[in-house]
């Protein structure tokens, strides 16, 4: 049985909100792009719109599982991991889009942020593994790391040192 996606709540999306902030307040904004709920094509279309509007910072996240699921389930045509999303945006920065037959396309110029977890991501088996995946996101094009809230400053500073080592 094929499922149909439909919207139950109408509200402006990320692109509209960022455009409003930029145009009304002349403030640089950082939209959060997530894997969950979006196909690769929907993600590319949103990124094209952001690029067109002059919004060139993005924070790329996998996102959490929806409330009715115990584990994260990606869109069947979407990304499973934030690393895949980073690779898509990095490719767009190189002028490589999903449709490989496109010619003479404009490259985007996104500054890419990724998530880091000073006290490790709750799904990671240990901090070493978590740092390995964080380094992969940086190696793939991530330019800065945003951390979740943390409760122990010592663990944060240890995390920063371990990131520098990696």
N, C-alpha and C. Protein backbone atom coordinates (compact mmCIF):
# COMPACT_ATOMS: atom_id res chain seq x y z
N UNK A 1 0.84 -1.17 0.00
CA UNK A 1 0.00 0.00 0.00
C UNK A 1 0.88 1.24 0.00
N UNK A 2 0.68 2.10 -0.95
CA UNK A 2 1.48 3.32 -1.05
C UNK A 2 0.91 4.39 -0.15
N UNK A 3 1.79 5.06 0.56
CA UNK A 3 1.37 6.14 1.45
C UNK A 3 1.43 7.46 0.72
N UNK A 4 0.52 8.33 1.06
CA UNK A 4 0.49 9.65 0.46
C UNK A 4 0.86 10.68 1.51
N UNK A 5 1.77 11.56 1.19
CA UNK A 5 2.19 12.61 2.10
C UNK A 5 1.22 13.79 1.97
N UNK A 6 0.72 14.27 3.10
CA UNK A 6 -0.11 15.45 3.06
C UNK A 6 0.18 16.30 4.28
N UNK A 7 -0.05 17.58 4.15
CA UNK A 7 0.26 18.53 5.21
C UNK A 7 -0.96 18.72 6.10
N UNK A 8 -0.76 18.59 7.41
CA UNK A 8 -1.87 18.79 8.33
C UNK A 8 -1.82 20.16 8.99
N UNK A 9 -0.73 20.85 8.84
CA UNK A 9 -0.60 22.18 9.44
C UNK A 9 0.01 23.10 8.40
N UNK A 10 -0.65 24.19 8.14
CA UNK A 10 -0.17 25.14 7.14
C UNK A 10 0.62 26.24 7.85
N UNK A 11 1.82 26.43 7.41
CA UNK A 11 2.68 27.48 7.96
C UNK A 11 3.82 27.73 6.99
N UNK A 12 4.45 28.88 7.12
CA UNK A 12 5.59 29.14 6.23
C UNK A 12 6.72 28.15 6.52
N UNK A 13 7.46 27.83 5.49
CA UNK A 13 8.58 26.91 5.66
C UNK A 13 9.89 27.64 5.88
N UNK A 14 10.95 26.87 5.93
CA UNK A 14 12.29 27.40 6.19
C UNK A 14 12.68 28.50 5.21
N UNK A 15 12.45 28.26 3.94
CA UNK A 15 12.86 29.23 2.92
C UNK A 15 12.12 30.55 3.13
N UNK A 16 10.82 30.50 3.34
CA UNK A 16 10.03 31.72 3.52
C UNK A 16 10.44 32.48 4.77
N UNK A 17 10.63 31.75 5.86
CA UNK A 17 11.01 32.40 7.12
C UNK A 17 12.37 33.06 6.98
N UNK A 18 13.32 32.37 6.38
CA UNK A 18 14.66 32.95 6.19
C UNK A 18 14.61 34.17 5.29
N UNK A 19 13.82 34.11 4.22
CA UNK A 19 13.69 35.26 3.33
C UNK A 19 13.09 36.45 4.07
N UNK A 20 12.10 36.20 4.91
CA UNK A 20 11.48 37.28 5.68
C UNK A 20 12.47 37.91 6.65
N UNK A 21 13.25 37.10 7.34
CA UNK A 21 14.26 37.62 8.27
C UNK A 21 15.29 38.45 7.52
N UNK A 22 15.77 37.94 6.41
CA UNK A 22 16.77 38.65 5.62
C UNK A 22 16.22 39.97 5.09
N UNK A 23 15.03 39.94 4.53
CA UNK A 23 14.47 41.14 3.90
C UNK A 23 13.93 42.15 4.91
N UNK A 24 13.32 41.69 5.98
CA UNK A 24 12.73 42.61 6.94
C UNK A 24 13.77 43.21 7.89
N UNK A 25 14.69 42.35 8.37
CA UNK A 25 15.66 42.80 9.37
C UNK A 25 17.08 42.94 8.84
N UNK A 26 17.30 42.51 7.60
CA UNK A 26 18.64 42.52 7.01
C UNK A 26 19.64 41.76 7.88
N UNK A 27 19.19 40.63 8.39
CA UNK A 27 20.04 39.77 9.23
C UNK A 27 20.36 38.49 8.47
N UNK A 28 21.60 38.08 8.61
CA UNK A 28 22.00 36.80 8.04
C UNK A 28 21.33 35.70 8.87
N UNK A 29 20.78 34.71 8.23
CA UNK A 29 20.14 33.63 8.97
C UNK A 29 20.76 32.30 8.55
N UNK A 30 20.54 31.31 9.39
CA UNK A 30 21.11 29.99 9.15
C UNK A 30 19.97 28.97 9.17
N UNK A 31 19.42 28.65 8.01
CA UNK A 31 18.36 27.65 7.98
C UNK A 31 18.90 26.27 8.33
N UNK A 32 18.09 25.53 9.04
CA UNK A 32 18.41 24.15 9.38
C UNK A 32 17.78 23.26 8.31
N UNK A 33 18.60 22.51 7.64
CA UNK A 33 18.12 21.56 6.63
C UNK A 33 18.26 20.17 7.24
N UNK A 34 17.17 19.39 7.21
CA UNK A 34 17.20 18.06 7.81
C UNK A 34 16.93 16.99 6.76
N UNK A 35 17.36 15.78 7.09
CA UNK A 35 17.13 14.64 6.20
C UNK A 35 15.68 14.17 6.28
N UNK A 36 15.14 14.14 7.48
CA UNK A 36 13.83 13.56 7.72
C UNK A 36 12.70 14.31 7.02
N UNK A 37 11.87 13.54 6.31
CA UNK A 37 10.68 14.11 5.71
C UNK A 37 10.87 14.73 4.34
N UNK A 38 12.08 14.71 3.82
CA UNK A 38 12.34 15.36 2.54
C UNK A 38 13.09 14.42 1.61
N UNK A 39 12.73 14.48 0.35
CA UNK A 39 13.49 13.74 -0.66
C UNK A 39 14.74 14.56 -1.02
N UNK A 40 15.67 13.93 -1.70
CA UNK A 40 16.87 14.64 -2.16
C UNK A 40 16.47 15.77 -3.10
N UNK A 41 15.47 15.52 -3.93
CA UNK A 41 15.02 16.56 -4.88
C UNK A 41 14.38 17.74 -4.15
N UNK A 42 13.55 17.46 -3.14
CA UNK A 42 12.95 18.54 -2.36
C UNK A 42 14.03 19.37 -1.65
N UNK A 43 15.03 18.67 -1.16
CA UNK A 43 16.15 19.35 -0.50
C UNK A 43 16.88 20.23 -1.50
N UNK A 44 17.18 19.69 -2.68
CA UNK A 44 17.87 20.48 -3.70
C UNK A 44 17.05 21.70 -4.09
N UNK A 45 15.75 21.53 -4.26
CA UNK A 45 14.90 22.67 -4.63
C UNK A 45 14.92 23.76 -3.56
N UNK A 46 14.86 23.37 -2.29
CA UNK A 46 14.92 24.35 -1.20
C UNK A 46 16.28 25.06 -1.21
N UNK A 47 17.35 24.31 -1.43
CA UNK A 47 18.68 24.91 -1.47
C UNK A 47 18.84 25.87 -2.65
N UNK A 48 18.26 25.52 -3.78
CA UNK A 48 18.30 26.42 -4.95
C UNK A 48 17.59 27.72 -4.61
N UNK A 49 16.44 27.64 -3.95
CA UNK A 49 15.71 28.84 -3.56
C UNK A 49 16.51 29.67 -2.55
N UNK A 50 17.10 29.02 -1.56
CA UNK A 50 17.92 29.75 -0.59
C UNK A 50 19.08 30.46 -1.28
N UNK A 51 19.75 29.75 -2.17
CA UNK A 51 20.87 30.32 -2.91
C UNK A 51 20.42 31.54 -3.72
N UNK A 52 19.29 31.40 -4.40
CA UNK A 52 18.75 32.49 -5.21
C UNK A 52 18.45 33.72 -4.36
N UNK A 53 17.99 33.49 -3.15
CA UNK A 53 17.66 34.60 -2.24
C UNK A 53 18.89 35.22 -1.57
N UNK A 54 20.05 34.63 -1.79
CA UNK A 54 21.27 35.15 -1.18
C UNK A 54 21.52 34.64 0.22
N UNK A 55 20.83 33.59 0.60
CA UNK A 55 21.04 32.97 1.92
C UNK A 55 22.08 31.88 1.72
N UNK A 56 23.26 32.11 2.29
CA UNK A 56 24.37 31.23 1.96
C UNK A 56 24.95 30.46 3.14
N UNK A 57 24.25 30.43 4.25
CA UNK A 57 24.65 29.62 5.40
C UNK A 57 23.59 28.57 5.63
N UNK A 58 24.01 27.34 5.90
CA UNK A 58 23.07 26.27 6.22
C UNK A 58 23.64 25.40 7.34
N UNK A 59 22.76 24.93 8.18
CA UNK A 59 23.11 23.96 9.21
C UNK A 59 22.46 22.66 8.80
N UNK A 60 23.27 21.64 8.53
CA UNK A 60 22.78 20.39 7.98
C UNK A 60 22.71 19.32 9.07
N UNK A 61 21.52 18.79 9.27
CA UNK A 61 21.26 17.85 10.36
C UNK A 61 20.51 16.63 9.84
N UNK A 62 20.71 15.51 10.50
CA UNK A 62 19.88 14.35 10.15
C UNK A 62 18.45 14.59 10.61
N UNK A 63 18.29 15.09 11.81
CA UNK A 63 16.96 15.27 12.40
C UNK A 63 16.61 14.07 13.26
N UNK A 64 15.58 14.24 14.04
CA UNK A 64 15.15 13.20 14.97
C UNK A 64 14.05 12.35 14.37
N UNK A 65 13.83 11.22 14.99
CA UNK A 65 12.70 10.37 14.61
C UNK A 65 11.41 11.12 14.92
N UNK A 66 10.40 10.90 14.09
CA UNK A 66 9.11 11.51 14.39
C UNK A 66 8.51 10.81 15.62
N UNK A 67 7.60 11.47 16.27
CA UNK A 67 7.08 10.98 17.55
C UNK A 67 6.46 9.59 17.48
N UNK A 68 5.91 9.21 16.34
CA UNK A 68 5.26 7.91 16.23
C UNK A 68 6.24 6.78 15.91
N UNK A 69 7.54 7.09 15.75
CA UNK A 69 8.54 6.06 15.43
C UNK A 69 9.61 6.02 16.51
N UNK A 70 10.12 4.82 16.77
CA UNK A 70 11.15 4.66 17.81
C UNK A 70 12.55 4.96 17.28
N UNK A 71 12.75 4.83 15.97
CA UNK A 71 14.04 5.15 15.36
C UNK A 71 13.81 6.05 14.15
N UNK A 72 14.84 6.75 13.75
CA UNK A 72 14.75 7.64 12.60
C UNK A 72 14.53 6.82 11.34
N UNK A 73 13.53 7.20 10.56
CA UNK A 73 13.25 6.58 9.26
C UNK A 73 13.29 7.66 8.20
N UNK A 74 14.28 7.61 7.30
CA UNK A 74 14.36 8.64 6.27
C UNK A 74 13.26 8.50 5.22
N UNK A 75 13.03 9.57 4.51
CA UNK A 75 12.16 9.52 3.34
C UNK A 75 12.77 8.48 2.39
N UNK A 76 11.93 7.66 1.74
CA UNK A 76 12.50 6.65 0.83
C UNK A 76 13.43 7.23 -0.25
N UNK A 77 13.21 8.47 -0.66
CA UNK A 77 14.07 9.11 -1.65
C UNK A 77 14.96 10.18 -1.03
N UNK A 78 15.13 10.10 0.28
CA UNK A 78 15.91 11.11 0.99
C UNK A 78 17.22 10.58 1.52
N UNK A 79 17.84 11.40 2.32
CA UNK A 79 19.13 11.04 2.92
C UNK A 79 18.93 10.30 4.23
N UNK A 80 19.78 9.34 4.47
CA UNK A 80 19.76 8.59 5.72
C UNK A 80 20.56 9.30 6.80
N UNK A 81 21.62 10.00 6.40
CA UNK A 81 22.54 10.59 7.36
C UNK A 81 22.89 12.03 6.96
N UNK A 82 23.26 12.81 7.96
CA UNK A 82 23.67 14.20 7.71
C UNK A 82 24.88 14.23 6.77
N UNK A 83 25.75 13.25 6.85
CA UNK A 83 26.91 13.19 5.96
C UNK A 83 26.47 13.21 4.50
N UNK A 84 25.40 12.49 4.18
CA UNK A 84 24.90 12.47 2.80
C UNK A 84 24.39 13.85 2.39
N UNK A 85 23.75 14.53 3.32
CA UNK A 85 23.25 15.89 3.07
C UNK A 85 24.42 16.85 2.84
N UNK A 86 25.47 16.71 3.65
CA UNK A 86 26.68 17.54 3.47
C UNK A 86 27.26 17.31 2.08
N UNK A 87 27.32 16.07 1.65
CA UNK A 87 27.86 15.76 0.32
C UNK A 87 27.00 16.38 -0.78
N UNK A 88 25.69 16.37 -0.61
CA UNK A 88 24.81 16.98 -1.62
C UNK A 88 25.08 18.48 -1.72
N UNK A 89 25.18 19.16 -0.60
CA UNK A 89 25.41 20.61 -0.63
C UNK A 89 26.82 20.92 -1.15
N UNK A 90 27.80 20.13 -0.76
CA UNK A 90 29.16 20.32 -1.26
C UNK A 90 29.18 20.15 -2.78
N UNK A 91 28.45 19.18 -3.29
CA UNK A 91 28.36 19.00 -4.75
C UNK A 91 27.72 20.22 -5.41
N UNK A 92 26.66 20.75 -4.81
CA UNK A 92 26.03 21.94 -5.37
C UNK A 92 27.01 23.11 -5.38
N UNK A 93 27.85 23.20 -4.35
CA UNK A 93 28.88 24.24 -4.31
C UNK A 93 29.89 24.08 -5.45
N UNK A 94 29.97 22.86 -5.99
CA UNK A 94 30.85 22.58 -7.13
C UNK A 94 30.10 22.62 -8.46
N UNK A 95 28.81 22.94 -8.40
CA UNK A 95 28.00 22.97 -9.62
C UNK A 95 27.49 21.61 -10.04
N UNK A 96 27.47 20.66 -9.12
CA UNK A 96 26.99 19.31 -9.42
C UNK A 96 25.62 19.13 -8.76
N UNK A 97 24.61 18.94 -9.59
CA UNK A 97 23.24 18.78 -9.11
C UNK A 97 22.77 17.35 -9.32
N UNK A 98 21.60 17.03 -8.80
CA UNK A 98 21.08 15.66 -8.90
C UNK A 98 20.91 15.22 -10.35
N UNK A 99 20.43 16.11 -11.20
CA UNK A 99 20.27 15.81 -12.62
C UNK A 99 21.63 15.99 -13.29
N UNK A 100 22.32 14.89 -13.53
CA UNK A 100 23.69 14.94 -14.05
C UNK A 100 23.76 15.49 -15.48
N UNK A 101 22.62 15.58 -16.15
CA UNK A 101 22.62 16.07 -17.52
C UNK A 101 22.53 17.59 -17.61
N UNK A 102 22.33 18.25 -16.47
CA UNK A 102 22.28 19.71 -16.49
C UNK A 102 23.64 20.26 -16.92
N UNK A 103 23.60 21.28 -17.75
CA UNK A 103 24.84 21.90 -18.20
C UNK A 103 24.81 23.38 -17.89
N UNK A 104 25.97 23.95 -17.73
CA UNK A 104 26.13 25.38 -17.46
C UNK A 104 25.28 25.83 -16.27
N UNK A 105 25.37 25.08 -15.19
CA UNK A 105 24.63 25.43 -13.98
C UNK A 105 25.47 26.33 -13.09
N UNK A 106 24.80 27.12 -12.30
CA UNK A 106 25.50 27.99 -11.35
C UNK A 106 25.83 27.21 -10.08
N UNK A 107 27.03 27.38 -9.61
CA UNK A 107 27.42 26.78 -8.34
C UNK A 107 26.81 27.58 -7.21
N UNK A 108 26.47 26.88 -6.15
CA UNK A 108 26.04 27.59 -4.94
C UNK A 108 27.29 27.94 -4.14
N UNK A 109 27.10 28.68 -3.08
CA UNK A 109 28.23 29.09 -2.25
C UNK A 109 27.83 29.00 -0.78
N UNK A 110 27.35 27.82 -0.38
CA UNK A 110 26.90 27.65 0.99
C UNK A 110 28.06 27.43 1.94
N UNK A 111 27.98 28.08 3.08
CA UNK A 111 28.84 27.80 4.22
C UNK A 111 28.10 26.74 5.02
N UNK A 112 28.73 25.60 5.25
CA UNK A 112 28.05 24.42 5.80
C UNK A 112 28.40 24.22 7.26
N UNK A 113 27.35 24.20 8.08
CA UNK A 113 27.49 23.86 9.49
C UNK A 113 26.97 22.46 9.74
N UNK A 114 27.56 21.78 10.72
CA UNK A 114 27.14 20.43 11.09
C UNK A 114 27.00 20.35 12.61
N UNK A 115 26.36 19.29 13.07
CA UNK A 115 26.11 19.12 14.50
C UNK A 115 27.20 18.29 15.15
N UNK A 116 27.56 18.67 16.37
CA UNK A 116 28.49 17.91 17.20
C UNK A 116 27.91 17.73 18.59
N UNK A 117 28.35 16.70 19.27
CA UNK A 117 27.76 16.34 20.56
C UNK A 117 28.86 16.14 21.61
N UNK A 118 29.11 17.16 22.44
CA UNK A 118 30.17 17.06 23.45
C UNK A 118 30.02 15.87 24.39
N UNK A 119 28.79 15.48 24.65
CA UNK A 119 28.57 14.33 25.55
C UNK A 119 28.11 13.11 24.75
N UNK A 120 28.40 13.07 23.47
CA UNK A 120 28.11 12.08 22.45
C UNK A 120 26.64 12.04 22.10
N UNK A 121 26.37 11.73 20.83
CA UNK A 121 24.99 11.58 20.36
C UNK A 121 24.39 10.35 21.05
N UNK A 122 23.14 10.45 21.42
CA UNK A 122 22.52 9.36 22.19
C UNK A 122 22.50 8.03 21.44
N UNK A 123 22.59 8.06 20.11
CA UNK A 123 22.60 6.81 19.34
C UNK A 123 24.00 6.25 19.13
N UNK A 124 25.02 7.05 19.41
CA UNK A 124 26.40 6.61 19.17
C UNK A 124 26.82 5.64 20.28
N UNK A 125 27.56 4.58 19.92
CA UNK A 125 28.00 3.63 20.95
C UNK A 125 29.02 4.23 21.91
N UNK A 126 29.82 5.19 21.41
CA UNK A 126 30.82 5.84 22.27
C UNK A 126 31.26 7.14 21.61
N UNK A 127 31.99 7.95 22.35
CA UNK A 127 32.42 9.26 21.84
C UNK A 127 33.41 9.11 20.69
N UNK A 128 34.26 8.09 20.73
CA UNK A 128 35.24 7.89 19.66
C UNK A 128 34.54 7.69 18.31
N UNK A 129 33.51 6.86 18.30
CA UNK A 129 32.75 6.61 17.08
C UNK A 129 32.03 7.88 16.64
N UNK A 130 31.45 8.59 17.60
CA UNK A 130 30.74 9.83 17.30
C UNK A 130 31.69 10.85 16.66
N UNK A 131 32.90 10.96 17.18
CA UNK A 131 33.89 11.89 16.61
C UNK A 131 34.32 11.46 15.20
N UNK A 132 34.36 10.15 14.96
CA UNK A 132 34.71 9.65 13.63
C UNK A 132 33.69 10.14 12.59
N UNK A 133 32.40 10.07 12.94
CA UNK A 133 31.36 10.53 12.02
C UNK A 133 31.36 12.06 11.90
N UNK A 134 31.66 12.76 12.97
CA UNK A 134 31.77 14.22 12.91
C UNK A 134 32.91 14.62 11.98
N UNK A 135 34.05 13.95 12.11
CA UNK A 135 35.19 14.25 11.24
C UNK A 135 34.84 13.98 9.78
N UNK A 136 34.06 12.93 9.53
CA UNK A 136 33.65 12.62 8.15
C UNK A 136 32.81 13.77 7.58
N UNK A 137 31.95 14.37 8.41
CA UNK A 137 31.13 15.50 7.94
C UNK A 137 32.01 16.71 7.64
N UNK A 138 33.04 16.93 8.45
CA UNK A 138 33.96 18.04 8.21
C UNK A 138 34.78 17.76 6.95
N UNK A 139 35.28 16.55 6.81
CA UNK A 139 36.06 16.18 5.62
C UNK A 139 35.24 16.29 4.34
N UNK A 140 33.92 16.09 4.45
CA UNK A 140 33.04 16.15 3.27
C UNK A 140 32.64 17.57 2.91
N UNK A 141 32.97 18.55 3.77
CA UNK A 141 32.65 19.93 3.43
C UNK A 141 32.11 20.78 4.55
N UNK A 142 31.85 20.18 5.71
CA UNK A 142 31.41 20.97 6.86
C UNK A 142 32.47 21.99 7.25
N UNK A 143 32.02 23.20 7.55
CA UNK A 143 32.98 24.27 7.85
C UNK A 143 32.95 24.71 9.30
N UNK A 144 31.87 24.42 10.00
CA UNK A 144 31.82 24.74 11.43
C UNK A 144 30.90 23.75 12.12
N UNK A 145 31.07 23.66 13.43
CA UNK A 145 30.31 22.70 14.23
C UNK A 145 29.47 23.46 15.25
N UNK A 146 28.20 23.12 15.31
CA UNK A 146 27.30 23.65 16.33
C UNK A 146 27.01 22.51 17.29
N UNK A 147 27.16 22.76 18.58
CA UNK A 147 26.91 21.70 19.55
C UNK A 147 25.51 21.81 20.12
N UNK A 148 25.02 20.69 20.57
CA UNK A 148 23.79 20.69 21.34
C UNK A 148 24.09 21.28 22.71
N UNK A 149 23.06 21.53 23.47
CA UNK A 149 23.27 22.02 24.81
C UNK A 149 24.03 20.95 25.60
N UNK A 150 24.93 21.39 26.45
CA UNK A 150 25.68 20.44 27.28
C UNK A 150 25.61 20.92 28.72
N UNK A 151 25.84 19.99 29.62
CA UNK A 151 25.69 20.30 31.05
C UNK A 151 27.01 20.33 31.79
N UNK A 152 28.06 19.84 31.16
CA UNK A 152 29.36 19.76 31.83
C UNK A 152 30.39 20.48 30.96
N UNK A 153 30.82 21.66 31.43
CA UNK A 153 31.80 22.45 30.66
C UNK A 153 33.08 21.68 30.41
N UNK A 154 33.50 20.89 31.37
CA UNK A 154 34.72 20.11 31.21
C UNK A 154 34.61 19.18 29.99
N UNK A 155 33.45 18.53 29.85
CA UNK A 155 33.26 17.64 28.70
C UNK A 155 33.27 18.43 27.39
N UNK A 156 32.75 19.65 27.40
CA UNK A 156 32.78 20.48 26.20
C UNK A 156 34.22 20.79 25.80
N UNK A 157 35.04 21.24 26.75
CA UNK A 157 36.42 21.59 26.42
C UNK A 157 37.23 20.36 26.01
N UNK A 158 36.93 19.20 26.60
CA UNK A 158 37.58 17.96 26.17
C UNK A 158 37.16 17.63 24.74
N UNK A 159 35.88 17.85 24.44
CA UNK A 159 35.34 17.62 23.09
C UNK A 159 36.07 18.51 22.07
N UNK A 160 36.25 19.77 22.40
CA UNK A 160 36.94 20.70 21.49
C UNK A 160 38.37 20.20 21.25
N UNK A 161 39.06 19.78 22.31
CA UNK A 161 40.43 19.27 22.16
C UNK A 161 40.45 18.02 21.27
N UNK A 162 39.49 17.12 21.47
CA UNK A 162 39.44 15.90 20.66
C UNK A 162 39.13 16.21 19.20
N UNK A 163 38.30 17.22 18.96
CA UNK A 163 38.02 17.63 17.59
C UNK A 163 39.29 18.16 16.93
N UNK A 164 40.03 18.97 17.66
CA UNK A 164 41.28 19.51 17.11
C UNK A 164 42.27 18.39 16.81
N UNK A 165 42.34 17.39 17.69
CA UNK A 165 43.23 16.25 17.47
C UNK A 165 42.84 15.48 16.20
N UNK A 166 41.54 15.31 16.03
CA UNK A 166 41.03 14.55 14.87
C UNK A 166 41.30 15.31 13.59
